[in-house]
Amino acid sequence: MAVCPYCNHKWSYKERLLGYSLKLRSRIRCKNCKEYLEPSNLSIFYDILAVLGVAAMILFVIPVLRWPMGISIGLSIFILLLYVFFFVPNTVRFKTYTYRRNKDFYKKGNKW
């Protein structure tokens, strides 16, 4: 479930779908506190695995089945829609990241 790490705002399915999964940006703004949010590393890893799985299904598995062209195209579109409308909105998680912005980052006791 997507929760803002700054204000603990729980994102609804509609916010996750329209605010994250249908946009091509990597970071977005929280609707509640207006802070920039970035997906966690685990969320990006799940997304990469899902994209590879969808690509493998469309490029390798569906052509091997040798179904008629209409059924193969319909199945490919269904898999893509399932990925965009179900998988991505339900696996996104947000995390705060600390970026080194000045040379005194390590002197303040922070760890990378």
PDB file of N, CA and C in Angstrom:
ATOM      1  N   MET A   1       0.842  -1.177   0.000  1.00  0.00           N
ATOM      2  CA  MET A   1       0.000   0.000   0.000  1.00  0.00           C
ATOM      3  C   MET A   1       0.886   1.238   0.000  1.00  0.00           C
ATOM      4  N   ALA A   2       0.549   2.185  -0.820  1.00  0.00           N
ATOM      5  CA  ALA A   2       1.332   3.409  -0.932  1.00  0.00           C
ATOM      6  C   ALA A   2       0.947   4.375   0.183  1.00  0.00           C
ATOM      7  N   VAL A   3       1.945   4.727   0.993  1.00  0.00           N
ATOM      8  CA  VAL A   3       1.746   5.659   2.104  1.00  0.00           C
ATOM      9  C   VAL A   3       2.842   6.716   2.003  1.00  0.00           C
ATOM     10  N   CYS A   4       2.464   7.977   2.157  1.00  0.00           N
ATOM     11  CA  CYS A   4       3.441   9.058   2.133  1.00  0.00           C
ATOM     12  C   CYS A   4       4.305   8.966   3.388  1.00  0.00           C
ATOM     13  N   PRO A   5       5.638   8.929   3.240  1.00  0.00           N
ATOM     14  CA  PRO A   5       6.492   8.837   4.426  1.00  0.00           C
ATOM     15  C   PRO A   5       6.552  10.128   5.234  1.00  0.00           C
ATOM     16  N   TYR A   6       6.108  11.235   4.679  1.00  0.00           N
ATOM     17  CA  TYR A   6       6.144  12.515   5.382  1.00  0.00           C
ATOM     18  C   TYR A   6       4.895  12.748   6.230  1.00  0.00           C
ATOM     19  N   CYS A   7       3.715  12.532   5.644  1.00  0.00           N
ATOM     20  CA  CYS A   7       2.471  12.858   6.355  1.00  0.00           C
ATOM     21  C   CYS A   7       1.597  11.631   6.623  1.00  0.00           C
ATOM     22  N   ASN A   8       2.060  10.434   6.242  1.00  0.00           N
ATOM     23  CA  ASN A   8       1.335   9.170   6.419  1.00  0.00           C
ATOM     24  C   ASN A   8      -0.024   9.160   5.731  1.00  0.00           C
ATOM     25  N   HIS A   9      -0.131   9.885   4.623  1.00  0.00           N
ATOM     26  CA  HIS A   9      -1.354   9.886   3.822  1.00  0.00           C
ATOM     27  C   HIS A   9      -1.417   8.588   3.037  1.00  0.00           C
ATOM     28  N   LYS A  10      -2.500   7.823   3.202  1.00  0.00           N
ATOM     29  CA  LYS A  10      -2.671   6.581   2.456  1.00  0.00           C
ATOM     30  C   LYS A  10      -3.301   6.913   1.110  1.00  0.00           C
ATOM     31  N   TRP A  11      -2.609   6.537   0.070  1.00  0.00           N
ATOM     32  CA  TRP A  11      -3.080   6.830  -1.269  1.00  0.00           C
ATOM     33  C   TRP A  11      -4.179   5.851  -1.660  1.00  0.00           C
ATOM     34  N   SER A  12      -5.242   6.358  -2.246  1.00  0.00           N
ATOM     35  CA  SER A  12      -6.319   5.496  -2.725  1.00  0.00           C
ATOM     36  C   SER A  12      -5.887   4.855  -4.041  1.00  0.00           C
ATOM     37  N   TYR A  13      -6.679   3.898  -4.498  1.00  0.00           N
ATOM     38  CA  TYR A  13      -6.361   3.238  -5.762  1.00  0.00           C
ATOM     39  C   TYR A  13      -6.361   4.244  -6.912  1.00  0.00           C
ATOM     40  N   LYS A  14      -7.320   5.164  -6.915  1.00  0.00           N
ATOM     41  CA  LYS A  14      -7.407   6.159  -7.980  1.00  0.00           C
ATOM     42  C   LYS A  14      -6.183   7.074  -7.980  1.00  0.00           C
ATOM     43  N   GLU A  15      -5.727   7.489  -6.809  1.00  0.00           N
ATOM     44  CA  GLU A  15      -4.532   8.329  -6.730  1.00  0.00           C
ATOM     45  C   GLU A  15      -3.296   7.577  -7.201  1.00  0.00           C
ATOM     46  N   ARG A  16      -3.198   6.297  -6.843  1.00  0.00           N
ATOM     47  CA  ARG A  16      -2.056   5.490  -7.279  1.00  0.00           C
ATOM     48  C   ARG A  16      -2.084   5.275  -8.784  1.00  0.00           C
ATOM     49  N   LEU A  17      -3.281   5.054  -9.321  1.00  0.00           N
ATOM     50  CA  LEU A  17      -3.395   4.801 -10.752  1.00  0.00           C
ATOM     51  C   LEU A  17      -3.126   6.063 -11.556  1.00  0.00           C
ATOM     52  N   LEU A  18      -3.806   7.151 -11.222  1.00  0.00           N
ATOM     53  CA  LEU A  18      -3.671   8.389 -11.987  1.00  0.00           C
ATOM     54  C   LEU A  18      -2.405   9.159 -11.628  1.00  0.00           C
ATOM     55  N   GLY A  19      -1.953   9.060 -10.383  1.00  0.00           N
ATOM     56  CA  GLY A  19      -0.805   9.838  -9.953  1.00  0.00           C
ATOM     57  C   GLY A  19       0.523   9.157 -10.168  1.00  0.00           C
ATOM     58  N   TYR A  20       0.536   7.845 -10.239  1.00  0.00           N
ATOM     59  CA  TYR A  20       1.827   7.162 -10.356  1.00  0.00           C
ATOM     60  C   TYR A  20       1.913   6.258 -11.579  1.00  0.00           C
ATOM     61  N   SER A  21       0.978   5.347 -11.748  1.00  0.00           N
ATOM     62  CA  SER A  21       1.187   4.313 -12.752  1.00  0.00           C
ATOM     63  C   SER A  21       0.971   4.794 -14.180  1.00  0.00           C
ATOM     64  N   LEU A  22       0.154   5.801 -14.399  1.00  0.00           N
ATOM     65  CA  LEU A  22      -0.074   6.281 -15.764  1.00  0.00           C
ATOM     66  C   LEU A  22       0.836   7.444 -16.150  1.00  0.00           C
ATOM     67  N   LYS A  23       1.703   7.876 -15.257  1.00  0.00           N
ATOM     68  CA  LYS A  23       2.653   8.944 -15.564  1.00  0.00           C
ATOM     69  C   LYS A  23       4.028   8.351 -15.790  1.00  0.00           C
ATOM     70  N   LEU A  24       4.807   9.015 -16.612  1.00  0.00           N
ATOM     71  CA  LEU A  24       6.135   8.496 -16.938  1.00  0.00           C
ATOM     72  C   LEU A  24       7.228   9.082 -16.058  1.00  0.00           C
ATOM     73  N   ARG A  25       6.865   9.794 -15.022  1.00  0.00           N
ATOM     74  CA  ARG A  25       7.856  10.385 -14.129  1.00  0.00           C
ATOM     75  C   ARG A  25       8.251   9.399 -13.048  1.00  0.00           C
ATOM     76  N   SER A  26       9.450   9.587 -12.523  1.00  0.00           N
ATOM     77  CA  SER A  26       9.888   8.707 -11.446  1.00  0.00           C
ATOM     78  C   SER A  26       9.492   9.253 -10.082  1.00  0.00           C
ATOM     79  N   ARG A  27       9.335  10.571  -9.954  1.00  0.00           N
ATOM     80  CA  ARG A  27       8.918  11.115  -8.667  1.00  0.00           C
ATOM     81  C   ARG A  27       7.654  11.950  -8.863  1.00  0.00           C
ATOM     82  N   ILE A  28       6.840  11.962  -7.825  1.00  0.00           N
ATOM     83  CA  ILE A  28       5.577  12.688  -7.877  1.00  0.00           C
ATOM     84  C   ILE A  28       5.400  13.458  -6.580  1.00  0.00           C
ATOM     85  N   ARG A  29       4.378  14.277  -6.521  1.00  0.00           N
ATOM     86  CA  ARG A  29       4.092  15.059  -5.317  1.00  0.00           C
ATOM     87  C   ARG A  29       2.926  14.448  -4.568  1.00  0.00           C
ATOM     88  N   CYS A  30       3.027  14.476  -3.255  1.00  0.00           N
ATOM     89  CA  CYS A  30       1.932  14.020  -2.403  1.00  0.00           C
ATOM     90  C   CYS A  30       0.809  15.051  -2.487  1.00  0.00           C
ATOM     91  N   LYS A  31      -0.411  14.575  -2.625  1.00  0.00           N
ATOM     92  CA  LYS A  31      -1.560  15.479  -2.717  1.00  0.00           C
ATOM     93  C   LYS A  31      -1.838  16.170  -1.388  1.00  0.00           C
ATOM     94  N   ASN A  32      -1.410  15.560  -0.308  1.00  0.00           N
ATOM     95  CA  ASN A  32      -1.715  16.080   1.016  1.00  0.00           C
ATOM     96  C   ASN A  32      -0.677  17.092   1.491  1.00  0.00           C
ATOM     97  N   CYS A  33       0.605  16.725   1.488  1.00  0.00           N
ATOM     98  CA  CYS A  33       1.650  17.596   2.046  1.00  0.00           C
ATOM     99  C   CYS A  33       2.503  18.286   0.985  1.00  0.00           C
ATOM    100  N   LYS A  34       2.308  17.969  -0.285  1.00  0.00           N
ATOM    101  CA  LYS A  34       3.019  18.586  -1.414  1.00  0.00           C
ATOM    102  C   LYS A  34       4.523  18.305  -1.430  1.00  0.00           C
ATOM    103  N   GLU A  35       4.960  17.263  -0.745  1.00  0.00           N
ATOM    104  CA  GLU A  35       6.367  16.857  -0.776  1.00  0.00           C
ATOM    105  C   GLU A  35       6.589  15.924  -1.971  1.00  0.00           C
ATOM    106  N   TYR A  36       7.799  15.948  -2.511  1.00  0.00           N
ATOM    107  CA  TYR A  36       8.133  15.037  -3.599  1.00  0.00           C
ATOM    108  C   TYR A  36       8.376  13.641  -3.040  1.00  0.00           C
ATOM    109  N   LEU A  37       7.824  12.643  -3.715  1.00  0.00           N
ATOM    110  CA  LEU A  37       7.963  11.250  -3.309  1.00  0.00           C
ATOM    111  C   LEU A  37       8.639  10.466  -4.420  1.00  0.00           C
ATOM    112  N   GLU A  38       9.451   9.524  -4.034  1.00  0.00           N
ATOM    113  CA  GLU A  38      10.101   8.640  -4.989  1.00  0.00           C
ATOM    114  C   GLU A  38       9.775   7.205  -4.600  1.00  0.00           C
ATOM    115  N   PRO A  39       9.645   6.319  -5.596  1.00  0.00           N
ATOM    116  CA  PRO A  39       9.350   4.923  -5.264  1.00  0.00           C
ATOM    117  C   PRO A  39      10.535   4.269  -4.573  1.00  0.00           C
ATOM    118  N   SER A  40      10.251   3.316  -3.717  1.00  0.00           N
ATOM    119  CA  SER A  40      11.325   2.620  -3.015  1.00  0.00           C
ATOM    120  C   SER A  40      12.064   1.686  -3.972  1.00  0.00           C
ATOM    121  N   ASN A  41      13.223   1.231  -3.555  1.00  0.00           N
ATOM    122  CA  ASN A  41      14.014   0.321  -4.379  1.00  0.00           C
ATOM    123  C   ASN A  41      13.286  -0.993  -4.619  1.00  0.00           C
ATOM    124  N   LEU A  42      12.574  -1.479  -3.623  1.00  0.00           N
ATOM    125  CA  LEU A  42      11.818  -2.719  -3.773  1.00  0.00           C
ATOM    126  C   LEU A  42      10.695  -2.554  -4.794  1.00  0.00           C
ATOM    127  N   SER A  43      10.053  -1.404  -4.784  1.00  0.00           N
ATOM    128  CA  SER A  43       9.003  -1.134  -5.748  1.00  0.00           C
ATOM    129  C   SER A  43       9.558  -1.096  -7.174  1.00  0.00           C
ATOM    130  N   ILE A  44      10.725  -0.501  -7.345  1.00  0.00           N
ATOM    131  CA  ILE A  44      11.367  -0.453  -8.661  1.00  0.00           C
ATOM    132  C   ILE A  44      11.780  -1.853  -9.096  1.00  0.00           C
ATOM    133  N   PHE A  45      12.265  -2.662  -8.167  1.00  0.00           N
ATOM    134  CA  PHE A  45      12.652  -4.035  -8.476  1.00  0.00           C
ATOM    135  C   PHE A  45      11.447  -4.851  -8.937  1.00  0.00           C
ATOM    136  N   TYR A  46      10.315  -4.747  -8.212  1.00  0.00           N
ATOM    137  CA  TYR A  46       9.092  -5.434  -8.628  1.00  0.00           C
ATOM    138  C   TYR A  46       8.641  -4.975 -10.007  1.00  0.00           C
ATOM    139  N   ASP A  47       8.772  -3.689 -10.271  1.00  0.00           N
ATOM    140  CA  ASP A  47       8.364  -3.148 -11.557  1.00  0.00           C
ATOM    141  C   ASP A  47       9.227  -3.707 -12.687  1.00  0.00           C
ATOM    142  N   ILE A  48      10.530  -3.804 -12.460  1.00  0.00           N
ATOM    143  CA  ILE A  48      11.424  -4.359 -13.478  1.00  0.00           C
ATOM    144  C   ILE A  48      11.101  -5.828 -13.732  1.00  0.00           C
ATOM    145  N   LEU A  49      10.868  -6.592 -12.666  1.00  0.00           N
ATOM    146  CA  LEU A  49      10.504  -8.001 -12.838  1.00  0.00           C
ATOM    147  C   LEU A  49       9.197  -8.148 -13.606  1.00  0.00           C
ATOM    148  N   ALA A  50       8.229  -7.299 -13.305  1.00  0.00           N
ATOM    149  CA  ALA A  50       6.950  -7.377 -13.997  1.00  0.00           C
ATOM    150  C   ALA A  50       7.084  -7.023 -15.469  1.00  0.00           C
ATOM    151  N   VAL A  51       7.872  -5.996 -15.774  1.00  0.00           N
ATOM    152  CA  VAL A  51       8.068  -5.615 -17.176  1.00  0.00           C
ATOM    153  C   VAL A  51       8.762  -6.744 -17.937  1.00  0.00           C
ATOM    154  N   LEU A  52       9.761  -7.372 -17.327  1.00  0.00           N
ATOM    155  CA  LEU A  52      10.430  -8.500 -17.978  1.00  0.00           C
ATOM    156  C   LEU A  52       9.478  -9.678 -18.171  1.00  0.00           C
ATOM    157  N   GLY A  53       8.627  -9.927 -17.188  1.00  0.00           N
ATOM    158  CA  GLY A  53       7.643 -11.004 -17.319  1.00  0.00           C
ATOM    159  C   GLY A  53       6.628 -10.731 -18.412  1.00  0.00           C
ATOM    160  N   VAL A  54       6.128  -9.501 -18.481  1.00  0.00           N
ATOM    161  CA  VAL A  54       5.171  -9.134 -19.528  1.00  0.00           C
ATOM    162  C   VAL A  54       5.834  -9.229 -20.899  1.00  0.00           C
ATOM    163  N   ALA A  55       7.071  -8.745 -21.010  1.00  0.00           N
ATOM    164  CA  ALA A  55       7.780  -8.816 -22.289  1.00  0.00           C
ATOM    165  C   ALA A  55       8.015 -10.268 -22.712  1.00  0.00           C
ATOM    166  N   ALA A  56       8.375 -11.118 -21.764  1.00  0.00           N
ATOM    167  CA  ALA A  56       8.597 -12.536 -22.083  1.00  0.00           C
ATOM    168  C   ALA A  56       7.298 -13.192 -22.539  1.00  0.00           C
ATOM    169  N   MET A  57       6.198 -12.862 -21.876  1.00  0.00           N
ATOM    170  CA  MET A  57       4.904 -13.433 -22.278  1.00  0.00           C
ATOM    171  C   MET A  57       4.538 -12.999 -23.698  1.00  0.00           C
ATOM    172  N   ILE A  58       4.691 -11.708 -23.975  1.00  0.00           N
ATOM    173  CA  ILE A  58       4.259 -11.189 -25.278  1.00  0.00           C
ATOM    174  C   ILE A  58       5.202 -11.619 -26.400  1.00  0.00           C
ATOM    175  N   LEU A  59       6.495 -11.635 -26.131  1.00  0.00           N
ATOM    176  CA  LEU A  59       7.454 -11.937 -27.195  1.00  0.00           C
ATOM    177  C   LEU A  59       7.720 -13.426 -27.396  1.00  0.00           C
ATOM    178  N   PHE A  60       7.614 -14.225 -26.335  1.00  0.00           N
ATOM    179  CA  PHE A  60       8.010 -15.621 -26.464  1.00  0.00           C
ATOM    180  C   PHE A  60       6.878 -16.620 -26.247  1.00  0.00           C
ATOM    181  N   VAL A  61       6.085 -16.449 -25.211  1.00  0.00           N
ATOM    182  CA  VAL A  61       5.082 -17.459 -24.862  1.00  0.00           C
ATOM    183  C   VAL A  61       3.879 -17.408 -25.797  1.00  0.00           C
ATOM    184  N   ILE A  62       3.339 -16.225 -26.041  1.00  0.00           N
ATOM    185  CA  ILE A  62       2.128 -16.121 -26.867  1.00  0.00           C
ATOM    186  C   ILE A  62       2.383 -16.584 -28.309  1.00  0.00           C
ATOM    187  N   PRO A  63       3.531 -16.242 -28.940  1.00  0.00           N
ATOM    188  CA  PRO A  63       3.756 -16.778 -30.294  1.00  0.00           C
ATOM    189  C   PRO A  63       3.903 -18.306 -30.335  1.00  0.00           C
ATOM    190  N   VAL A  64       4.414 -18.913 -29.269  1.00  0.00           N
ATOM    191  CA  VAL A  64       4.581 -20.366 -29.239  1.00  0.00           C
ATOM    192  C   VAL A  64       3.227 -21.074 -29.165  1.00  0.00           C
ATOM    193  N   LEU A  65       2.237 -20.432 -28.582  1.00  0.00           N
ATOM    194  CA  LEU A  65       0.914 -21.051 -28.450  1.00  0.00           C
ATOM    195  C   LEU A  65       0.226 -21.251 -29.798  1.00  0.00           C
ATOM    196  N   ARG A  66       0.602 -20.471 -30.795  1.00  0.00           N
ATOM    197  CA  ARG A  66       0.076 -20.588 -32.156  1.00  0.00           C
ATOM    198  C   ARG A  66      -1.445 -20.462 -32.207  1.00  0.00           C
ATOM    199  N   TRP A  67      -1.955 -19.530 -31.442  1.00  0.00           N
ATOM    200  CA  TRP A  67      -3.380 -19.224 -31.504  1.00  0.00           C
ATOM    201  C   TRP A  67      -3.633 -18.269 -32.657  1.00  0.00           C
ATOM    202  N   PRO A  68      -4.878 -18.093 -33.063  1.00  0.00           N
ATOM    203  CA  PRO A  68      -5.163 -17.115 -34.124  1.00  0.00           C
ATOM    204  C   PRO A  68      -4.704 -15.712 -33.722  1.00  0.00           C
ATOM    205  N   MET A  69      -4.466 -14.875 -34.729  1.00  0.00           N
ATOM    206  CA  MET A  69      -3.902 -13.549 -34.513  1.00  0.00           C
ATOM    207  C   MET A  69      -4.762 -12.696 -33.585  1.00  0.00           C
ATOM    208  N   GLY A  70      -6.055 -12.733 -33.738  1.00  0.00           N
ATOM    209  CA  GLY A  70      -6.952 -11.924 -32.906  1.00  0.00           C
ATOM    210  C   GLY A  70      -6.875 -12.294 -31.434  1.00  0.00           C
ATOM    211  N   ILE A  71      -6.820 -13.573 -31.145  1.00  0.00           N
ATOM    212  CA  ILE A  71      -6.723 -14.031 -29.759  1.00  0.00           C
ATOM    213  C   ILE A  71      -5.361 -13.661 -29.173  1.00  0.00           C
ATOM    214  N   SER A  72      -4.299 -13.800 -29.959  1.00  0.00           N
ATOM    215  CA  SER A  72      -2.956 -13.454 -29.473  1.00  0.00           C
ATOM    216  C   SER A  72      -2.845 -11.965 -29.167  1.00  0.00           C
ATOM    217  N   ILE A  73      -3.367 -11.129 -30.037  1.00  0.00           N
ATOM    218  CA  ILE A  73      -3.329  -9.683 -29.795  1.00  0.00           C
ATOM    219  C   ILE A  73      -4.186  -9.313 -28.597  1.00  0.00           C
ATOM    220  N   GLY A  74      -5.364  -9.915 -28.498  1.00  0.00           N
ATOM    221  CA  GLY A  74      -6.245  -9.656 -27.354  1.00  0.00           C
ATOM    222  C   GLY A  74      -5.603 -10.069 -26.037  1.00  0.00           C
ATOM    223  N   LEU A  75      -4.940 -11.210 -26.021  1.00  0.00           N
ATOM    224  CA  LEU A  75      -4.252 -11.672 -24.819  1.00  0.00           C
ATOM    225  C   LEU A  75      -3.090 -10.754 -24.459  1.00  0.00           C
ATOM    226  N   SER A  76      -2.367 -10.271 -25.456  1.00  0.00           N
ATOM    227  CA  SER A  76      -1.267  -9.331 -25.206  1.00  0.00           C
ATOM    228  C   SER A  76      -1.776  -8.033 -24.611  1.00  0.00           C
ATOM    229  N   ILE A  77      -2.854  -7.512 -25.164  1.00  0.00           N
ATOM    230  CA  ILE A  77      -3.444  -6.278 -24.634  1.00  0.00           C
ATOM    231  C   ILE A  77      -3.967  -6.501 -23.224  1.00  0.00           C
ATOM    232  N   PHE A  78      -4.575  -7.651 -22.969  1.00  0.00           N
ATOM    233  CA  PHE A  78      -5.071  -7.961 -21.630  1.00  0.00           C
ATOM    234  C   PHE A  78      -3.933  -8.016 -20.614  1.00  0.00           C
ATOM    235  N   ILE A  79      -2.815  -8.610 -20.987  1.00  0.00           N
ATOM    236  CA  ILE A  79      -1.669  -8.699 -20.083  1.00  0.00           C
ATOM    237  C   ILE A  79      -1.115  -7.308 -19.790  1.00  0.00           C
ATOM    238  N   LEU A  80      -1.015  -6.464 -20.807  1.00  0.00           N
ATOM    239  CA  LEU A  80      -0.535  -5.095 -20.595  1.00  0.00           C
ATOM    240  C   LEU A  80      -1.477  -4.298 -19.698  1.00  0.00           C
ATOM    241  N   LEU A  81      -2.764  -4.416 -19.917  1.00  0.00           N
ATOM    242  CA  LEU A  81      -3.733  -3.709 -19.077  1.00  0.00           C
ATOM    243  C   LEU A  81      -3.711  -4.225 -17.645  1.00  0.00           C
ATOM    244  N   LEU A  82      -3.544  -5.519 -17.488  1.00  0.00           N
ATOM    245  CA  LEU A  82      -3.437  -6.099 -16.153  1.00  0.00           C
ATOM    246  C   LEU A  82      -2.218  -5.546 -15.422  1.00  0.00           C
ATOM    247  N   TYR A  83      -1.117  -5.393 -16.141  1.00  0.00           N
ATOM    248  CA  TYR A  83       0.091  -4.816 -15.552  1.00  0.00           C
ATOM    249  C   TYR A  83      -0.135  -3.366 -15.133  1.00  0.00           C
ATOM    250  N   VAL A  84      -0.699  -2.549 -16.012  1.00  0.00           N
ATOM    251  CA  VAL A  84      -0.859  -1.117 -15.738  1.00  0.00           C
ATOM    252  C   VAL A  84      -1.924  -0.846 -14.681  1.00  0.00           C
ATOM    253  N   PHE A  85      -3.054  -1.542 -14.753  1.00  0.00           N
ATOM    254  CA  PHE A  85      -4.177  -1.222 -13.875  1.00  0.00           C
ATOM    255  C   PHE A  85      -4.228  -2.038 -12.588  1.00  0.00           C
ATOM    256  N   PHE A  86      -3.487  -3.133 -12.511  1.00  0.00           N
ATOM    257  CA  PHE A  86      -3.541  -3.935 -11.289  1.00  0.00           C
ATOM    258  C   PHE A  86      -2.189  -4.021 -10.586  1.00  0.00           C
ATOM    259  N   PHE A  87      -1.165  -4.429 -11.317  1.00  0.00           N
ATOM    260  CA  PHE A  87       0.115  -4.702 -10.673  1.00  0.00           C
ATOM    261  C   PHE A  87       0.805  -3.447 -10.169  1.00  0.00           C
ATOM    262  N   VAL A  88       0.981  -2.457 -11.026  1.00  0.00           N
ATOM    263  CA  VAL A  88       1.722  -1.251 -10.639  1.00  0.00           C
ATOM    264  C   VAL A  88       1.050  -0.494  -9.501  1.00  0.00           C
ATOM    265  N   PRO A  89      -0.253  -0.216  -9.550  1.00  0.00           N
ATOM    266  CA  PRO A  89      -0.853   0.519  -8.422  1.00  0.00           C
ATOM    267  C   PRO A  89      -0.825  -0.250  -7.100  1.00  0.00           C
ATOM    268  N   ASN A  90      -0.817  -1.560  -7.139  1.00  0.00           N
ATOM    269  CA  ASN A  90      -0.859  -2.332  -5.901  1.00  0.00           C
ATOM    270  C   ASN A  90       0.513  -2.667  -5.337  1.00  0.00           C
ATOM    271  N   THR A  91       1.580  -2.395  -6.053  1.00  0.00           N
ATOM    272  CA  THR A  91       2.912  -2.709  -5.535  1.00  0.00           C
ATOM    273  C   THR A  91       3.764  -1.476  -5.264  1.00  0.00           C
ATOM    274  N   VAL A  92       3.265  -0.289  -5.541  1.00  0.00           N
ATOM    275  CA  VAL A  92       4.077   0.909  -5.346  1.00  0.00           C
ATOM    276  C   VAL A  92       4.182   1.245  -3.863  1.00  0.00           C
ATOM    277  N   ARG A  93       5.391   1.571  -3.441  1.00  0.00           N
ATOM    278  CA  ARG A  93       5.676   2.038  -2.088  1.00  0.00           C
ATOM    279  C   ARG A  93       6.624   3.221  -2.207  1.00  0.00           C
ATOM    280  N   PHE A  94       6.493   4.159  -1.293  1.00  0.00           N
ATOM    281  CA  PHE A  94       7.326   5.349  -1.338  1.00  0.00           C
ATOM    282  C   PHE A  94       8.304   5.348  -0.180  1.00  0.00           C
ATOM    283  N   LYS A  95       9.443   6.008  -0.381  1.00  0.00           N
ATOM    284  CA  LYS A  95      10.475   6.059   0.631  1.00  0.00           C
ATOM    285  C   LYS A  95      11.165   7.412   0.557  1.00  0.00           C
ATOM    286  N   THR A  96      11.651   7.892   1.696  1.00  0.00           N
ATOM    287  CA  THR A  96      12.428   9.133   1.691  1.00  0.00           C
ATOM    288  C   THR A  96      13.892   8.778   1.454  1.00  0.00           C
ATOM    289  N   TYR A  97      14.544   9.557   0.654  1.00  0.00           N
ATOM    290  CA  TYR A  97      15.953   9.366   0.361  1.00  0.00           C
ATOM    291  C   TYR A  97      16.712  10.603   0.805  1.00  0.00           C
ATOM    292  N   THR A  98      17.904  10.401   1.343  1.00  0.00           N
ATOM    293  CA  THR A  98      18.769  11.497   1.737  1.00  0.00           C
ATOM    294  C   THR A  98      19.865  11.622   0.688  1.00  0.00           C
ATOM    295  N   TYR A  99      19.905  12.761   0.049  1.00  0.00           N
ATOM    296  CA  TYR A  99      20.910  12.995  -0.966  1.00  0.00           C
ATOM    297  C   TYR A  99      22.015  13.878  -0.403  1.00  0.00           C
ATOM    298  N   ARG A 100      23.225  13.580  -0.767  1.00  0.00           N
ATOM    299  CA  ARG A 100      24.364  14.375  -0.321  1.00  0.00           C
ATOM    300  C   ARG A 100      24.373  15.669  -1.134  1.00  0.00           C
ATOM    301  N   ARG A 101      24.084  16.773  -0.476  1.00  0.00           N
ATOM    302  CA  ARG A 101      23.981  18.054  -1.163  1.00  0.00           C
ATOM    303  C   ARG A 101      25.165  18.967  -0.900  1.00  0.00           C
ATOM    304  N   ASN A 102      25.917  18.702   0.139  1.00  0.00           N
ATOM    305  CA  ASN A 102      27.060  19.563   0.421  1.00  0.00           C
ATOM    306  C   ASN A 102      28.238  18.698   0.869  1.00  0.00           C
ATOM    307  N   LYS A 103      29.382  19.339   0.999  1.00  0.00           N
ATOM    308  CA  LYS A 103      30.594  18.601   1.346  1.00  0.00           C
ATOM    309  C   LYS A 103      30.639  18.205   2.813  1.00  0.00           C
ATOM    310  N   ASP A 104      29.838  18.846   3.662  1.00  0.00           N
ATOM    311  CA  ASP A 104      29.847  18.559   5.089  1.00  0.00           C
ATOM    312  C   ASP A 104      28.861  17.464   5.478  1.00  0.00           C
ATOM    313  N   PHE A 105      28.421  16.686   4.529  1.00  0.00           N
ATOM    314  CA  PHE A 105      27.415  15.675   4.795  1.00  0.00           C
ATOM    315  C   PHE A 105      27.914  14.652   5.828  1.00  0.00           C
ATOM    316  N   TYR A 106      29.137  14.161   5.639  1.00  0.00           N
ATOM    317  CA  TYR A 106      29.663  13.149   6.546  1.00  0.00           C
ATOM    318  C   TYR A 106      30.105  13.743   7.886  1.00  0.00           C
ATOM    319  N   LYS A 107      30.461  14.993   7.907  1.00  0.00           N
ATOM    320  CA  LYS A 107      30.892  15.635   9.154  1.00  0.00           C
ATOM    321  C   LYS A 107      29.757  15.807  10.142  1.00  0.00           C
ATOM    322  N   LYS A 108      28.534  15.830   9.673  1.00  0.00           N
ATOM    323  CA  LYS A 108      27.367  16.033  10.544  1.00  0.00           C
ATOM    324  C   LYS A 108      26.930  14.724  11.207  1.00  0.00           C
ATOM    325  N   GLY A 109      27.605  13.632  10.942  1.00  0.00           N
ATOM    326  CA  GLY A 109      27.236  12.374  11.569  1.00  0.00           C
ATOM    327  C   GLY A 109      26.294  11.529  10.727  1.00  0.00           C
ATOM    328  N   ASN A 110      26.007  11.950   9.517  1.00  0.00           N
ATOM    329  CA  ASN A 110      25.128  11.188   8.645  1.00  0.00           C
ATOM    330  C   ASN A 110      25.895  10.046   7.999  1.00  0.00           C
ATOM    331  N   LYS A 111      25.198   8.985   7.722  1.00  0.00           N
ATOM    332  CA  LYS A 111      25.807   7.847   7.033  1.00  0.00           C
ATOM    333  C   LYS A 111      25.089   7.664   5.715  1.00  0.00           C
ATOM    334  N   TRP A 112      25.848   7.295   4.725  1.00  0.00           N
ATOM    335  CA  TRP A 112      25.283   7.113   3.395  1.00  0.00           C
ATOM    336  C   TRP A 112      24.578   5.828   3.376  1.00  0.00           C
TER     337      TRP A 112
END
